[in-house]
Amino acid sequence: MRSINLVTSIVVLSAFASALPALAAIKTVTQRPTLQSIPAGHAVLFNDGQCPAGQIAKFVHKEKSGELKKSCVHSN
């Protein structure tokens, strides 16, 4: 019984640790992002004035393709 509790605890902690990057807040920047300013696999928010009202541009540096992807997301 004790080993089952230990294994369960390890699985839960492992799942939580892997979810931490997804829980991290996305940083808002004041200068237009570039591939050099964003680490691979990370995202930033930047108000470039091209998104509809109530939305902000989200720039993501794609790890595998090495591209900068932009999408409009709702701002809070």
N, C-alpha and C. Protein backbone atom coordinates (compact mmCIF):
# COMPACT_ATOMS: atom_id res chain seq x y z
N MET A 1 0.82 -1.19 0.00
CA MET A 1 0.00 0.00 0.00
C MET A 1 0.87 1.27 0.00
N ARG A 2 1.92 1.22 0.75
CA ARG A 2 2.80 2.38 0.83
C ARG A 2 3.46 2.65 -0.52
N SER A 3 3.84 1.59 -1.24
CA SER A 3 4.48 1.77 -2.54
C SER A 3 3.51 2.34 -3.56
N ILE A 4 2.24 1.99 -3.45
CA ILE A 4 1.23 2.54 -4.36
C ILE A 4 1.09 4.05 -4.12
N ASN A 5 1.08 4.46 -2.87
CA ASN A 5 1.00 5.89 -2.55
C ASN A 5 2.22 6.64 -3.07
N LEU A 6 3.37 6.03 -2.93
CA LEU A 6 4.60 6.65 -3.41
C LEU A 6 4.58 6.81 -4.92
N VAL A 7 4.19 5.78 -5.64
CA VAL A 7 4.12 5.83 -7.10
C VAL A 7 3.08 6.87 -7.55
N THR A 8 1.95 6.90 -6.88
CA THR A 8 0.92 7.88 -7.22
C THR A 8 1.43 9.30 -7.01
N SER A 9 2.12 9.53 -5.91
CA SER A 9 2.68 10.85 -5.64
C SER A 9 3.68 11.26 -6.70
N ILE A 10 4.52 10.34 -7.11
CA ILE A 10 5.52 10.63 -8.14
C ILE A 10 4.84 10.98 -9.46
N VAL A 11 3.81 10.25 -9.83
CA VAL A 11 3.10 10.50 -11.08
C VAL A 11 2.44 11.88 -11.04
N VAL A 12 1.80 12.22 -9.93
CA VAL A 12 1.12 13.51 -9.80
C VAL A 12 2.13 14.66 -9.86
N LEU A 13 3.22 14.54 -9.13
CA LEU A 13 4.24 15.58 -9.14
C LEU A 13 4.88 15.73 -10.52
N SER A 14 5.08 14.63 -11.20
CA SER A 14 5.66 14.66 -12.54
C SER A 14 4.71 15.38 -13.51
N ALA A 15 3.43 15.09 -13.42
CA ALA A 15 2.45 15.73 -14.29
C ALA A 15 2.40 17.23 -14.00
N PHE A 16 2.45 17.61 -12.73
CA PHE A 16 2.41 19.03 -12.37
C PHE A 16 3.66 19.75 -12.87
N ALA A 17 4.81 19.13 -12.73
CA ALA A 17 6.06 19.75 -13.16
C ALA A 17 6.08 19.95 -14.67
N SER A 18 5.52 19.01 -15.42
CA SER A 18 5.51 19.16 -16.87
C SER A 18 4.53 20.24 -17.32
N ALA A 19 3.54 20.56 -16.48
CA ALA A 19 2.55 21.58 -16.83
C ALA A 19 3.01 22.98 -16.46
N LEU A 20 4.08 23.13 -15.69
CA LEU A 20 4.52 24.45 -15.24
C LEU A 20 4.79 25.43 -16.37
N PRO A 21 5.49 25.05 -17.46
CA PRO A 21 5.69 26.04 -18.53
C PRO A 21 4.39 26.55 -19.11
N ALA A 22 3.37 25.71 -19.18
CA ALA A 22 2.08 26.14 -19.72
C ALA A 22 1.37 27.09 -18.77
N LEU A 23 1.67 27.00 -17.47
CA LEU A 23 1.03 27.86 -16.48
C LEU A 23 1.74 29.21 -16.35
N ALA A 24 2.92 29.33 -16.88
CA ALA A 24 3.68 30.57 -16.76
C ALA A 24 2.99 31.68 -17.54
N ALA A 25 3.02 32.88 -17.00
CA ALA A 25 2.39 34.02 -17.66
C ALA A 25 3.19 34.43 -18.89
N ILE A 26 2.47 34.86 -19.92
CA ILE A 26 3.13 35.35 -21.13
C ILE A 26 3.47 36.82 -20.90
N LYS A 27 4.70 37.18 -21.18
CA LYS A 27 5.19 38.54 -20.93
C LYS A 27 4.70 39.48 -22.03
N THR A 28 4.33 40.70 -21.65
CA THR A 28 3.97 41.74 -22.60
C THR A 28 5.20 42.63 -22.81
N VAL A 29 5.54 42.86 -24.08
CA VAL A 29 6.73 43.64 -24.41
C VAL A 29 6.32 44.95 -25.08
N THR A 30 7.23 45.92 -25.08
CA THR A 30 6.94 47.24 -25.65
C THR A 30 7.60 47.46 -27.01
N GLN A 31 8.52 46.59 -27.39
CA GLN A 31 9.15 46.68 -28.72
C GLN A 31 8.76 45.46 -29.54
N ARG A 32 8.60 45.66 -30.85
CA ARG A 32 8.18 44.56 -31.73
C ARG A 32 9.15 43.38 -31.60
N PRO A 33 8.63 42.19 -31.31
CA PRO A 33 9.49 41.02 -31.12
C PRO A 33 10.13 40.53 -32.41
N THR A 34 11.32 39.96 -32.27
CA THR A 34 12.04 39.35 -33.40
C THR A 34 12.45 37.94 -32.99
N LEU A 35 12.95 37.17 -33.94
CA LEU A 35 13.42 35.82 -33.62
C LEU A 35 14.54 35.86 -32.58
N GLN A 36 15.34 36.91 -32.62
CA GLN A 36 16.46 37.01 -31.69
C GLN A 36 16.02 37.43 -30.28
N SER A 37 14.88 38.12 -30.18
CA SER A 37 14.45 38.62 -28.87
C SER A 37 13.57 37.63 -28.09
N ILE A 38 13.09 36.59 -28.76
CA ILE A 38 12.25 35.59 -28.09
C ILE A 38 12.97 34.24 -28.13
N PRO A 39 13.16 33.60 -26.99
CA PRO A 39 13.76 32.26 -27.00
C PRO A 39 12.84 31.26 -27.71
N ALA A 40 13.42 30.25 -28.33
CA ALA A 40 12.62 29.24 -29.03
C ALA A 40 11.63 28.59 -28.07
N GLY A 41 10.39 28.43 -28.54
CA GLY A 41 9.36 27.81 -27.73
C GLY A 41 8.63 28.75 -26.79
N HIS A 42 8.95 30.04 -26.83
CA HIS A 42 8.32 31.02 -25.95
C HIS A 42 7.43 31.96 -26.74
N ALA A 43 6.57 32.68 -26.01
CA ALA A 43 5.64 33.62 -26.63
C ALA A 43 5.65 34.94 -25.85
N VAL A 44 5.32 36.02 -26.55
CA VAL A 44 5.16 37.34 -25.93
C VAL A 44 3.93 38.02 -26.53
N LEU A 45 3.41 38.98 -25.79
CA LEU A 45 2.30 39.80 -26.28
C LEU A 45 2.84 41.17 -26.66
N PHE A 46 2.33 41.71 -27.78
CA PHE A 46 2.77 43.03 -28.24
C PHE A 46 1.60 43.70 -28.95
N ASN A 47 1.28 44.91 -28.58
CA ASN A 47 0.18 45.65 -29.21
C ASN A 47 0.71 46.34 -30.47
N ASP A 48 0.52 45.68 -31.61
CA ASP A 48 1.01 46.24 -32.87
C ASP A 48 -0.06 47.06 -33.59
N GLY A 49 -1.25 47.16 -33.00
CA GLY A 49 -2.31 47.98 -33.58
C GLY A 49 -3.03 47.34 -34.75
N GLN A 50 -2.72 46.11 -35.09
CA GLN A 50 -3.34 45.45 -36.24
C GLN A 50 -4.41 44.44 -35.87
N CYS A 51 -4.61 44.21 -34.57
CA CYS A 51 -5.64 43.26 -34.12
C CYS A 51 -6.94 44.01 -33.84
N PRO A 52 -8.08 43.31 -33.92
CA PRO A 52 -9.37 43.95 -33.62
C PRO A 52 -9.42 44.49 -32.19
N ALA A 53 -10.39 45.34 -31.93
CA ALA A 53 -10.55 45.94 -30.60
C ALA A 53 -10.71 44.84 -29.55
N GLY A 54 -10.03 45.01 -28.43
CA GLY A 54 -10.10 44.04 -27.34
C GLY A 54 -9.15 42.87 -27.50
N GLN A 55 -8.32 42.90 -28.54
CA GLN A 55 -7.36 41.82 -28.76
C GLN A 55 -5.95 42.39 -28.86
N ILE A 56 -4.96 41.52 -28.64
CA ILE A 56 -3.56 41.90 -28.69
C ILE A 56 -2.81 40.82 -29.48
N ALA A 57 -1.72 41.20 -30.12
CA ALA A 57 -0.95 40.25 -30.92
C ALA A 57 -0.09 39.36 -30.02
N LYS A 58 -0.14 38.08 -30.28
CA LYS A 58 0.69 37.11 -29.57
C LYS A 58 1.71 36.57 -30.57
N PHE A 59 3.00 36.75 -30.27
CA PHE A 59 4.07 36.28 -31.13
C PHE A 59 4.72 35.06 -30.48
N VAL A 60 4.84 33.98 -31.25
CA VAL A 60 5.42 32.74 -30.76
C VAL A 60 6.61 32.37 -31.63
N HIS A 61 7.75 32.08 -30.99
CA HIS A 61 8.94 31.60 -31.70
C HIS A 61 8.84 30.08 -31.75
N LYS A 62 8.48 29.55 -32.92
CA LYS A 62 8.29 28.11 -33.09
C LYS A 62 9.64 27.40 -33.00
N GLU A 63 9.72 26.37 -32.16
CA GLU A 63 10.97 25.66 -31.93
C GLU A 63 11.45 24.92 -33.18
N LYS A 64 10.57 24.13 -33.78
CA LYS A 64 11.00 23.26 -34.87
C LYS A 64 11.24 24.00 -36.18
N SER A 65 10.39 24.97 -36.49
CA SER A 65 10.52 25.65 -37.78
C SER A 65 11.40 26.89 -37.71
N GLY A 66 11.65 27.42 -36.52
CA GLY A 66 12.45 28.62 -36.40
C GLY A 66 11.76 29.85 -36.93
N GLU A 67 10.43 29.83 -36.96
CA GLU A 67 9.65 30.95 -37.48
C GLU A 67 9.00 31.72 -36.33
N LEU A 68 8.58 32.94 -36.63
CA LEU A 68 7.84 33.77 -35.69
C LEU A 68 6.40 33.79 -36.15
N LYS A 69 5.50 33.23 -35.34
CA LYS A 69 4.09 33.15 -35.69
C LYS A 69 3.31 34.20 -34.91
N LYS A 70 2.41 34.90 -35.60
CA LYS A 70 1.59 35.92 -34.96
C LYS A 70 0.13 35.52 -35.00
N SER A 71 -0.57 35.73 -33.87
CA SER A 71 -2.00 35.52 -33.83
C SER A 71 -2.61 36.56 -32.90
N CYS A 72 -3.86 36.89 -33.11
CA CYS A 72 -4.55 37.85 -32.25
C CYS A 72 -5.30 37.08 -31.16
N VAL A 73 -5.12 37.49 -29.91
CA VAL A 73 -5.77 36.84 -28.79
C VAL A 73 -6.49 37.90 -27.97
N HIS A 74 -7.50 37.46 -27.21
CA HIS A 74 -8.24 38.39 -26.36
C HIS A 74 -7.36 38.86 -25.22
N SER A 75 -7.34 40.16 -25.00
CA SER A 75 -6.56 40.71 -23.88
C SER A 75 -7.45 40.72 -22.64
N ASN A 76 -6.81 40.62 -21.49
CA ASN A 76 -7.58 40.58 -20.25
C ASN A 76 -7.66 41.93 -19.63
